[in-house]
Amino acid sequence: MKIVFIGSGAIATAIGDVLAAKNCYDVVLISIEDSVVDSVNSRHFNYDYFPYCRLSDSLRASVDVEELSDADVVFLAIPSTAVVDYVVKNQEYINQNALIVNLAKGFGNDGKLIPECLMEFLPNQLLSLKGPSFAREVIKRQETGLTAGSNSVESYNIVKALFDDTCICTDFTDDVKGVEYSSILKNIYAIIVGIVDANFESANLRSLVISKAINEMLSLITTFGGKQQTMFNYCGFGDFTLTALH
C-alpha cells in the first residue's frame, strides 16, 4: 500500500513516521522544499520540525506531485486555507481510487467545510481525521486518539487497519460535519481559555469558562448540522482540552 502525505510539516512528518516504522507501507511526504526532501531522504531527519528525532529509514520525501498517481491513501496535511486550491491545481495527478484523509483543521473556500468543497469535484472517498494530537508527542510514540469521520465504514476500516499496532488509536462517527466543526470551534474557545488564564490566574474561573465553552460548542455543532455525541469523541472534548490546557 502506498501512502502519500501532501505536506512535510510537523503532523505529516510525525504520522508519516509512525506509519513508515511499520515497514509494510510505502510512505511519502510531498514537499515544496528541496532541503527537506534531501534531509529526509539522505539523513533521515526533518530539521525544520524535529531536528533531534531520527526518522524511519523507510520514510521518504519528494517534490514530485506525480507520486499521487498511484497512492492508495492521501493525507491532506497542509494549512486549511491552502487545501482546496492545492487539490484543484493537482487533481489530475490524484488517483481517483485513493482514499482522501483530511488532517487540516479549519475552513476551506467561501466559508465551507473542506470535505464539502472537495466533494463538489472529487470522485474519491473522503474521511476527516481529527483529535488531540501534538505532533511532538506523536513522533515520540505517545498514545494518541483520533476521530475518523466518514459516511463510509469501509473507509474507516482502511484507516483503522493503517494504525493497527501503532501509538495511534481511533474512534469512528458518520458525523463528518460534527468532526470538522469540533476541530474549528476548539481553537476559538481555547483562545478564550488562554485569555482567562493570562489575566486572572483563577482555577475557578477557568473551570467556569471551560464548562460554558463545552455547552456552547455542543449547541453550535448541532446548529450547524452535526451531532451532540461527536463532542465526546476524541475530536471534540479531547482536542478542546488539549488545546485549551496546554
Foldseek 3Di string as FASTA:
>chain_A
DEEEEAADDLQLQLVLLQLVVVVPYQYEYADCDPVQQCCCQPVQDRCVHCVPAGGDNRYGYYNDLLSQQPHQEYEYDDEQACRLVVCVVSVVSHHLAHEYEYAHADDYPPRHRPVVSCVVPHNYFYKYKAFACDSVVSNVQAQTEIEIAGLDPVSVVVVQVSCPPGSYHYDYDPFRLLLRLQSHLLVVLLVVLVVCCVPPVDPVVSVVSVVVSLVVSLVVSVVVPGHSCSLVGRSHVVNSCSSNVD
